[in-house]
C-alpha atoms as a PDB file:
ATOM      1  CA  UNK A   1      84.893  32.566 -31.276  1.00  0.00           C
ATOM      2  CA  UNK A   2      83.966  29.512 -32.663  1.00  0.00           C
ATOM      3  CA  UNK A   3      80.320  27.655 -33.330  1.00  0.00           C
ATOM      4  CA  UNK A   4      80.955  25.039 -30.748  1.00  0.00           C
ATOM      5  CA  UNK A   5      81.647  27.487 -28.275  1.00  0.00           C
ATOM      6  CA  UNK A   6      78.649  29.610 -29.370  1.00  0.00           C
ATOM      7  CA  UNK A   7      76.339  26.896 -29.425  1.00  0.00           C
ATOM      8  CA  UNK A   8      77.161  26.552 -25.721  1.00  0.00           C
ATOM      9  CA  UNK A   9      76.640  30.163 -24.669  1.00  0.00           C
ATOM     10  CA  UNK A  10      73.115  30.065 -26.195  1.00  0.00           C
ATOM     11  CA  UNK A  11      72.107  26.740 -24.383  1.00  0.00           C
ATOM     12  CA  UNK A  12      73.392  28.185 -21.374  1.00  0.00           C
ATOM     13  CA  UNK A  13      71.022  31.227 -22.196  1.00  0.00           C
ATOM     14  CA  UNK A  14      67.644  28.990 -22.772  1.00  0.00           C
ATOM     15  CA  UNK A  15      68.347  26.736 -19.691  1.00  0.00           C
ATOM     16  CA  UNK A  16      68.685  30.508 -17.598  1.00  0.00           C
ATOM     17  CA  UNK A  17      65.572  31.729 -18.995  1.00  0.00           C
ATOM     18  CA  UNK A  18      63.544  28.637 -18.434  1.00  0.00           C
ATOM     19  CA  UNK A  19      64.758  28.571 -15.029  1.00  0.00           C
ATOM     20  CA  UNK A  20      63.900  31.324 -14.233  1.00  0.00           C
ATOM     21  CA  UNK A  21      60.054  31.180 -15.994  1.00  0.00           C
ATOM     22  CA  UNK A  22      59.623  27.995 -13.607  1.00  0.00           C
ATOM     23  CA  UNK A  23      60.740  30.362 -10.701  1.00  0.00           C
ATOM     24  CA  UNK A  24      58.311  32.944 -11.427  1.00  0.00           C
ATOM     25  CA  UNK A  25      55.592  30.233 -11.996  1.00  0.00           C
ATOM     26  CA  UNK A  26      55.881  28.727  -8.888  1.00  0.00           C
ATOM     27  CA  UNK A  27      56.115  31.972  -6.962  1.00  0.00           C
ATOM     28  CA  UNK A  28      52.891  33.341  -8.619  1.00  0.00           C
ATOM     29  CA  UNK A  29      51.067  29.618  -8.108  1.00  0.00           C
ATOM     30  CA  UNK A  30      52.765  30.481  -3.822  1.00  0.00           C
ATOM     31  CA  UNK A  31      50.700  34.017  -4.260  1.00  0.00           C
ATOM     32  CA  UNK A  32      47.770  32.875  -5.543  1.00  0.00           C
ATOM     33  CA  UNK A  33      47.807  30.142  -2.916  1.00  0.00           C
ATOM     34  CA  UNK A  34      48.070  32.573   0.005  1.00  0.00           C
ATOM     35  CA  UNK A  35      45.790  34.830  -1.226  1.00  0.00           C
ATOM     36  CA  UNK A  36      42.879  31.638  -1.655  1.00  0.00           C
ATOM     37  CA  UNK A  37      43.864  31.107   1.847  1.00  0.00           C
ATOM     38  CA  UNK A  38      42.876  34.641   3.392  1.00  0.00           C
ATOM     39  CA  UNK A  39      39.640  34.376   1.419  1.00  0.00           C
ATOM     40  CA  UNK A  40      38.839  30.961   2.764  1.00  0.00           C
ATOM     41  CA  UNK A  41      35.775  31.853   4.832  1.00  0.00           C
ATOM     42  CA  UNK A  42      33.806  29.972   7.486  1.00  0.00           C
ATOM     43  CA  UNK A  43      30.772  30.584   5.949  1.00  0.00           C
ATOM     44  CA  UNK A  44      31.403  31.742   2.482  1.00  0.00           C
ATOM     45  CA  UNK A  45      27.455  33.097   1.853  1.00  0.00           C
ATOM     46  CA  UNK A  46      28.080  36.468   4.083  1.00  0.00           C
ATOM     47  CA  UNK A  47      32.402  36.272   3.882  1.00  0.00           C
ATOM     48  CA  UNK A  48      31.933  35.911   7.374  1.00  0.00           C
ATOM     49  CA  UNK A  49      30.498  39.509   8.358  1.00  0.00           C
ATOM     50  CA  UNK A  50      27.529  38.004   9.414  1.00  0.00           C
ATOM     51  CA  UNK A  51      25.119  40.351   7.330  1.00  0.00           C
ATOM     52  CA  UNK A  52      23.876  39.352   3.480  1.00  0.00           C
ATOM     53  CA  UNK A  53      23.619  42.620   0.957  1.00  0.00           C
ATOM     54  CA  UNK A  54      21.085  42.410  -0.978  1.00  0.00           C
ATOM     55  CA  UNK A  55      20.436  44.749  -3.542  1.00  0.00           C
ATOM     56  CA  UNK A  56      17.794  47.187  -4.075  1.00  0.00           C
ATOM     57  CA  UNK A  57      16.655  49.034  -7.326  1.00  0.00           C
ATOM     58  CA  UNK A  58      17.259  52.661  -6.674  1.00  0.00           C
ATOM     59  CA  UNK A  59      18.369  52.338  -2.983  1.00  0.00           C
ATOM     60  CA  UNK A  60      21.044  51.449  -0.437  1.00  0.00           C
ATOM     61  CA  UNK A  61      21.508  47.265   0.072  1.00  0.00           C
ATOM     62  CA  UNK A  62      19.394  45.506   2.257  1.00  0.00           C
ATOM     63  CA  UNK A  63      21.363  43.778   5.413  1.00  0.00           C
ATOM     64  CA  UNK A  64      19.949  40.878   6.381  1.00  0.00           C
ATOM     65  CA  UNK A  65      21.273  38.108   8.687  1.00  0.00           C
ATOM     66  CA  UNK A  66      22.958  35.207   7.954  1.00  0.00           C
ATOM     67  CA  UNK A  67      21.837  31.954   9.021  1.00  0.00           C
ATOM     68  CA  UNK A  68      25.803  31.521  10.629  1.00  0.00           C
ATOM     69  CA  UNK A  69      25.001  34.573  13.086  1.00  0.00           C
ATOM     70  CA  UNK A  70      21.891  32.642  14.605  1.00  0.00           C
ATOM     71  CA  UNK A  71      24.052  29.501  14.321  1.00  0.00           C
ATOM     72  CA  UNK A  72      26.802  31.235  16.407  1.00  0.00           C
ATOM     73  CA  UNK A  73      24.260  32.303  19.018  1.00  0.00           C
ATOM     74  CA  UNK A  74      22.695  28.745  19.470  1.00  0.00           C
ATOM     75  CA  UNK A  75      26.511  27.600  19.910  1.00  0.00           C
ATOM     76  CA  UNK A  76      26.515  30.292  22.735  1.00  0.00           C
ATOM     77  CA  UNK A  77      23.711  28.946  24.590  1.00  0.00           C
ATOM     78  CA  UNK A  78      24.845  25.741  24.404  1.00  0.00           C
ATOM     79  CA  UNK A  79      27.688  27.019  25.972  1.00  0.00           C
ATOM     80  CA  UNK A  80      25.864  28.838  28.417  1.00  0.00           C
ATOM     81  CA  UNK A  81      24.141  26.015  29.734  1.00  0.00           C
ATOM     82  CA  UNK A  82      27.686  24.009  30.083  1.00  0.00           C
ATOM     83  CA  UNK A  83      28.238  22.545  26.890  1.00  0.00           C
ATOM     84  CA  UNK A  84      30.886  23.770  24.610  1.00  0.00           C
ATOM     85  CA  UNK A  85      29.877  22.669  21.188  1.00  0.00           C
ATOM     86  CA  UNK A  86      33.176  22.812  19.629  1.00  0.00           C
ATOM     87  CA  UNK A  87      34.967  20.696  22.496  1.00  0.00           C
ATOM     88  CA  UNK A  88      32.656  18.570  23.219  1.00  0.00           C
ATOM     89  CA  UNK A  89      33.221  15.070  24.050  1.00  0.00           C
ATOM     90  CA  UNK A  90      29.294  14.334  23.697  1.00  0.00           C
ATOM     91  CA  UNK A  91      29.954  12.468  20.082  1.00  0.00           C
ATOM     92  CA  UNK A  92      28.974   9.025  18.465  1.00  0.00           C
ATOM     93  CA  UNK A  93      32.762   8.601  18.064  1.00  0.00           C
ATOM     94  CA  UNK A  94      33.538   9.140  21.695  1.00  0.00           C
ATOM     95  CA  UNK A  95      30.379   6.734  22.693  1.00  0.00           C
ATOM     96  CA  UNK A  96      31.765   3.774  24.397  1.00  0.00           C
ATOM     97  CA  UNK A  97      29.168   0.634  23.357  1.00  0.00           C
ATOM     98  CA  UNK A  98      29.656  -1.756  26.510  1.00  0.00           C
ATOM     99  CA  UNK A  99      26.716  -3.600  26.060  1.00  0.00           C
ATOM    100  CA  UNK A 100      23.420  -4.932  24.209  1.00  0.00           C
ATOM    101  CA  UNK A 101      21.413  -1.952  25.550  1.00  0.00           C
ATOM    102  CA  UNK A 102      24.388   1.073  25.067  1.00  0.00           C
ATOM    103  CA  UNK A 103      24.450  -0.711  21.356  1.00  0.00           C
ATOM    104  CA  UNK A 104      20.841  -0.187  20.758  1.00  0.00           C
ATOM    105  CA  UNK A 105      20.860   3.443  21.767  1.00  0.00           C
ATOM    106  CA  UNK A 106      23.932   4.618  19.574  1.00  0.00           C
ATOM    107  CA  UNK A 107      22.477   2.499  16.432  1.00  0.00           C
ATOM    108  CA  UNK A 108      19.259   3.821  17.116  1.00  0.00           C
ATOM    109  CA  UNK A 109      20.506   7.869  17.784  1.00  0.00           C
ATOM    110  CA  UNK A 110      22.900   7.371  14.486  1.00  0.00           C
ATOM    111  CA  UNK A 111      20.165   6.039  11.866  1.00  0.00           C
ATOM    112  CA  UNK A 112      17.914   8.819  13.251  1.00  0.00           C
ATOM    113  CA  UNK A 113      20.982  11.337  12.018  1.00  0.00           C
ATOM    114  CA  UNK A 114      20.990   9.460   9.060  1.00  0.00           C
ATOM    115  CA  UNK A 115      17.272   8.851   7.710  1.00  0.00           C
ATOM    116  CA  UNK A 116      16.066  13.028   9.612  1.00  0.00           C
ATOM    117  CA  UNK A 117      15.980  15.041   6.249  1.00  0.00           C
ATOM    118  CA  UNK A 118      13.616  12.120   5.018  1.00  0.00           C
ATOM    119  CA  UNK A 119      11.506  12.348   7.967  1.00  0.00           C
ATOM    120  CA  UNK A 120      11.462  15.725   9.389  1.00  0.00           C
ATOM    121  CA  UNK A 121       8.454  16.857   7.841  1.00  0.00           C
ATOM    122  CA  UNK A 122       6.756  13.853   8.917  1.00  0.00           C
ATOM    123  CA  UNK A 123       4.456  13.083  11.946  1.00  0.00           C
ATOM    124  CA  UNK A 124       7.250  10.289  12.946  1.00  0.00           C
ATOM    125  CA  UNK A 125      10.020  12.570  13.168  1.00  0.00           C
ATOM    126  CA  UNK A 126      11.224  12.756  16.761  1.00  0.00           C
ATOM    127  CA  UNK A 127      13.311  10.410  18.901  1.00  0.00           C
ATOM    128  CA  UNK A 128      13.029   8.977  22.522  1.00  0.00           C
ATOM    129  CA  UNK A 129      15.589   7.656  24.627  1.00  0.00           C
ATOM    130  CA  UNK A 130      14.784   6.734  28.117  1.00  0.00           C
ATOM    131  CA  UNK A 131      14.856   4.724  30.944  1.00  0.00           C
ATOM    132  CA  UNK A 132      18.137   3.402  32.837  1.00  0.00           C
ATOM    133  CA  UNK A 133      19.967   6.006  34.381  1.00  0.00           C
ATOM    134  CA  UNK A 134      23.775   6.166  33.122  1.00  0.00           C
ATOM    135  CA  UNK A 135      22.918   4.835  30.156  1.00  0.00           C
ATOM    136  CA  UNK A 136      24.177   6.969  27.709  1.00  0.00           C
ATOM    137  CA  UNK A 137      21.080   8.693  26.684  1.00  0.00           C
ATOM    138  CA  UNK A 138      22.197  11.950  27.134  1.00  0.00           C
ATOM    139  CA  UNK A 139      25.173  11.242  25.438  1.00  0.00           C
ATOM    140  CA  UNK A 140      24.244  10.257  22.295  1.00  0.00           C
ATOM    141  CA  UNK A 141      20.964  13.003  22.313  1.00  0.00           C
ATOM    142  CA  UNK A 142      23.949  15.612  22.296  1.00  0.00           C
ATOM    143  CA  UNK A 143      25.811  13.457  19.685  1.00  0.00           C
ATOM    144  CA  UNK A 144      22.573  14.080  17.411  1.00  0.00           C
ATOM    145  CA  UNK A 145      22.220  18.033  18.277  1.00  0.00           C
ATOM    146  CA  UNK A 146      26.068  18.177  17.156  1.00  0.00           C
ATOM    147  CA  UNK A 147      25.580  16.426  14.047  1.00  0.00           C
ATOM    148  CA  UNK A 148      22.852  18.391  13.353  1.00  0.00           C
ATOM    149  CA  UNK A 149      24.598  21.802  14.068  1.00  0.00           C
ATOM    150  CA  UNK A 150      27.652  21.267  11.685  1.00  0.00           C
ATOM    151  CA  UNK A 151      24.631  20.480   9.093  1.00  0.00           C
ATOM    152  CA  UNK A 152      23.209  23.590  10.138  1.00  0.00           C
ATOM    153  CA  UNK A 153      20.210  22.691  11.662  1.00  0.00           C
ATOM    154  CA  UNK A 154      19.198  24.700  14.216  1.00  0.00           C
ATOM    155  CA  UNK A 155      18.947  23.074  17.583  1.00  0.00           C
ATOM    156  CA  UNK A 156      17.732  24.162  20.933  1.00  0.00           C
ATOM    157  CA  UNK A 157      19.069  22.241  23.761  1.00  0.00           C
ATOM    158  CA  UNK A 158      16.335  22.470  26.811  1.00  0.00           C
ATOM    159  CA  UNK A 159      17.969  21.198  30.078  1.00  0.00           C
ATOM    160  CA  UNK A 160      14.388  20.200  31.520  1.00  0.00           C
ATOM    161  CA  UNK A 161      14.968  21.381  35.294  1.00  0.00           C
ATOM    162  CA  UNK A 162      16.470  23.905  34.746  1.00  0.00           C
ATOM    163  CA  UNK A 163      14.421  26.182  31.931  1.00  0.00           C
ATOM    164  CA  UNK A 164      11.341  24.778  33.502  1.00  0.00           C
ATOM    165  CA  UNK A 165      12.915  26.410  36.996  1.00  0.00           C
ATOM    166  CA  UNK A 166      13.351  29.279  35.644  1.00  0.00           C
ATOM    167  CA  UNK A 167      10.132  29.798  33.356  1.00  0.00           C
ATOM    168  CA  UNK A 168       8.446  29.378  36.558  1.00  0.00           C
ATOM    169  CA  UNK A 169      10.559  32.178  39.093  1.00  0.00           C
ATOM    170  CA  UNK A 170       9.383  34.396  35.775  1.00  0.00           C
ATOM    171  CA  UNK A 171       5.337  33.522  35.259  1.00  0.00           C
ATOM    172  CA  UNK A 172       4.656  36.547  36.108  1.00  0.00           C
ATOM    173  CA  UNK A 173       6.342  38.666  33.478  1.00  0.00           C
ATOM    174  CA  UNK A 174       3.934  37.845  31.007  1.00  0.00           C
ATOM    175  CA  UNK A 175       6.197  39.316  28.599  1.00  0.00           C
ATOM    176  CA  UNK A 176       9.363  37.249  29.302  1.00  0.00           C
ATOM    177  CA  UNK A 177       7.098  34.066  29.335  1.00  0.00           C
ATOM    178  CA  UNK A 178       5.833  34.232  26.146  1.00  0.00           C
ATOM    179  CA  UNK A 179       8.669  35.244  24.504  1.00  0.00           C
ATOM    180  CA  UNK A 180      10.441  31.666  26.171  1.00  0.00           C
ATOM    181  CA  UNK A 181       7.728  29.465  25.638  1.00  0.00           C
ATOM    182  CA  UNK A 182       7.451  30.464  21.937  1.00  0.00           C
ATOM    183  CA  UNK A 183      11.356  30.009  21.558  1.00  0.00           C
ATOM    184  CA  UNK A 184      11.159  26.236  22.390  1.00  0.00           C
ATOM    185  CA  UNK A 185       8.007  26.236  20.748  1.00  0.00           C
ATOM    186  CA  UNK A 186       9.263  27.390  17.075  1.00  0.00           C
ATOM    187  CA  UNK A 187      12.542  25.880  17.071  1.00  0.00           C
ATOM    188  CA  UNK A 188      14.016  23.864  14.225  1.00  0.00           C
ATOM    189  CA  UNK A 189      14.122  21.255  16.458  1.00  0.00           C
ATOM    190  CA  UNK A 190      14.144  21.047  19.967  1.00  0.00           C
ATOM    191  CA  UNK A 191      16.062  18.350  22.133  1.00  0.00           C
ATOM    192  CA  UNK A 192      14.505  18.412  25.884  1.00  0.00           C
ATOM    193  CA  UNK A 193      17.273  16.481  28.562  1.00  0.00           C
ATOM    194  CA  UNK A 194      16.249  14.495  31.287  1.00  0.00           C
ATOM    195  CA  UNK A 195      12.403  15.343  30.632  1.00  0.00           C
ATOM    196  CA  UNK A 196      10.461  14.620  34.118  1.00  0.00           C
ATOM    197  CA  UNK A 197      13.730  15.133  35.996  1.00  0.00           C
ATOM    198  CA  UNK A 198      13.368  16.708  39.607  1.00  0.00           C
ATOM    199  CA  UNK A 199       9.491  17.018  41.190  1.00  0.00           C
ATOM    200  CA  UNK A 200       6.300  17.189  39.320  1.00  0.00           C
ATOM    201  CA  UNK A 201       3.442  19.269  40.130  1.00  0.00           C
ATOM    202  CA  UNK A 202       1.151  21.197  37.621  1.00  0.00           C
ATOM    203  CA  UNK A 203       2.974  23.980  36.573  1.00  0.00           C
ATOM    204  CA  UNK A 204       5.564  21.700  35.686  1.00  0.00           C
ATOM    205  CA  UNK A 205       2.774  19.614  32.893  1.00  0.00           C
ATOM    206  CA  UNK A 206       0.763  22.916  31.795  1.00  0.00           C
ATOM    207  CA  UNK A 207       4.390  24.782  30.612  1.00  0.00           C
ATOM    208  CA  UNK A 208       5.392  21.492  29.209  1.00  0.00           C
ATOM    209  CA  UNK A 209       2.233  20.637  26.990  1.00  0.00           C
ATOM    210  CA  UNK A 210       2.189  24.216  25.878  1.00  0.00           C
ATOM    211  CA  UNK A 211       5.497  23.705  24.053  1.00  0.00           C
ATOM    212  CA  UNK A 212       5.371  19.841  22.870  1.00  0.00           C
ATOM    213  CA  UNK A 213       1.409  19.933  21.785  1.00  0.00           C
ATOM    214  CA  UNK A 214       2.805  23.089  19.727  1.00  0.00           C
ATOM    215  CA  UNK A 215       5.600  21.128  18.098  1.00  0.00           C
ATOM    216  CA  UNK A 216       2.853  18.142  17.848  1.00  0.00           C
ATOM    217  CA  UNK A 217       0.246  20.004  15.992  1.00  0.00           C
ATOM    218  CA  UNK A 218       3.093  21.531  13.499  1.00  0.00           C
ATOM    219  CA  UNK A 219       5.449  18.752  12.862  1.00  0.00           C
ATOM    220  CA  UNK A 220       8.487  20.293  14.586  1.00  0.00           C
ATOM    221  CA  UNK A 221      10.744  17.350  15.921  1.00  0.00           C
ATOM    222  CA  UNK A 222      11.939  16.627  18.993  1.00  0.00           C
ATOM    223  CA  UNK A 223      15.160  14.846  20.698  1.00  0.00           C
ATOM    224  CA  UNK A 224      13.977  13.485  24.436  1.00  0.00           C
ATOM    225  CA  UNK A 225      15.732  11.538  27.061  1.00  0.00           C
ATOM    226  CA  UNK A 226      14.438  10.515  30.287  1.00  0.00           C
ATOM    227  CA  UNK A 227      15.547   8.286  33.231  1.00  0.00           C
ATOM    228  CA  UNK A 228      11.531   7.465  33.238  1.00  0.00           C
ATOM    229  CA  UNK A 229       9.956   4.640  31.283  1.00  0.00           C
ATOM    230  CA  UNK A 230       7.276   5.195  28.576  1.00  0.00           C
ATOM    231  CA  UNK A 231       4.640   3.981  31.136  1.00  0.00           C
ATOM    232  CA  UNK A 232       5.868   6.472  33.373  1.00  0.00           C
ATOM    233  CA  UNK A 233       6.430   9.260  31.158  1.00  0.00           C
ATOM    234  CA  UNK A 234       2.229   8.794  30.222  1.00  0.00           C
ATOM    235  CA  UNK A 235       1.520   8.342  34.494  1.00  0.00           C
ATOM    236  CA  UNK A 236       2.793  12.006  34.647  1.00  0.00           C
ATOM    237  CA  UNK A 237       0.647  13.234  31.983  1.00  0.00           C
ATOM    238  CA  UNK A 238      -1.089  11.264  29.581  1.00  0.00           C
ATOM    239  CA  UNK A 239      -1.013  14.103  26.839  1.00  0.00           C
ATOM    240  CA  UNK A 240       2.479  14.482  27.089  1.00  0.00           C
ATOM    241  CA  UNK A 241       3.524  11.387  26.873  1.00  0.00           C
ATOM    242  CA  UNK A 242       1.446   9.725  24.416  1.00  0.00           C
ATOM    243  CA  UNK A 243       2.372  13.143  22.136  1.00  0.00           C
ATOM    244  CA  UNK A 244       6.219  12.260  22.508  1.00  0.00           C
ATOM    245  CA  UNK A 245       5.644   8.462  21.985  1.00  0.00           C
ATOM    246  CA  UNK A 246       3.929   9.117  18.518  1.00  0.00           C
ATOM    247  CA  UNK A 247       6.225  11.535  17.356  1.00  0.00           C
ATOM    248  CA  UNK A 248       9.384   9.259  18.692  1.00  0.00           C
ATOM    249  CA  UNK A 249       7.370   5.960  17.821  1.00  0.00           C
ATOM    250  CA  UNK A 250      10.022   5.006  15.214  1.00  0.00           C
ATOM    251  CA  UNK A 251      12.907   5.853  17.193  1.00  0.00           C
ATOM    252  CA  UNK A 252      12.505   4.968  20.415  1.00  0.00           C
ATOM    253  CA  UNK A 253      14.844   2.995  22.799  1.00  0.00           C
ATOM    254  CA  UNK A 254      13.699   2.469  26.266  1.00  0.00           C
ATOM    255  CA  UNK A 255      16.645   0.796  28.407  1.00  0.00           C
ATOM    256  CA  UNK A 256      15.371  -1.574  31.310  1.00  0.00           C
ATOM    257  CA  UNK A 257      16.103  -0.821  35.261  1.00  0.00           C
ATOM    258  CA  UNK A 258      19.229  -2.514  35.730  1.00  0.00           C
ATOM    259  CA  UNK A 259      22.491  -1.432  37.481  1.00  0.00           C
ATOM    260  CA  UNK A 260      24.415  -3.283  34.557  1.00  0.00           C
ATOM    261  CA  UNK A 261      22.963  -0.695  32.116  1.00  0.00           C
ATOM    262  CA  UNK A 262      24.932   2.176  34.072  1.00  0.00           C
ATOM    263  CA  UNK A 263      28.028   3.110  32.953  1.00  0.00           C
ATOM    264  CA  UNK A 264      29.091   5.084  35.083  1.00  0.00           C
ATOM    265  CA  UNK A 265      28.820   1.838  37.538  1.00  0.00           C
ATOM    266  CA  UNK A 266      30.977  -0.620  35.302  1.00  0.00           C
END
């Protein structure tokens, strides 16, 4: 065999080895990518188990409930109230700005979300959207809450009329009453939707005062929507109304009663 032919064979062997090495590298890369996909978790803290194991000296590890379990539980409560957190259209991107009033609502709600980390421990750490029916108050209130939930800020949803009615129906059960009141008093953020909706009596005021006053004293934020003006909220109960206003003073939008501000009539 001549030198030239031997050289050709040698070069072919080198090329075959290079091709084989490249294929092996690509296959290994695919395996790594597949492995990474398989070990990708929604929650890296607990790896989607819902529990975090804390080592204990000379004892079995201590199992602690992960924060993601609380978030999922909250989402279930929202769903029970008729709002699917994962599929809700009550987002900022879906909010249609159709006039000056709706622009104010959206801008104020967005600013509140942006500044929340800075103000959450201050006296004025809340937001109040009130006034004209159909002006987008509930939409933006829920948009704020959904934004917070994505950041793992735990927001409890309180549809005012439904919750107050249920609490009054079970007031004789002291254990139930205390548990439910505590839930709304102590949660990280509370969204009160349609404050003072329906007929108001002393029981309504007393229940609400317990919740609002506790949050006021402990600097716990509230997101409030209501179809009533600030003056009207104060007339229902000055103690409740003034606390809500003071907490939300930097983020208050009061929409004038005007059919032109009702999106449903647009």
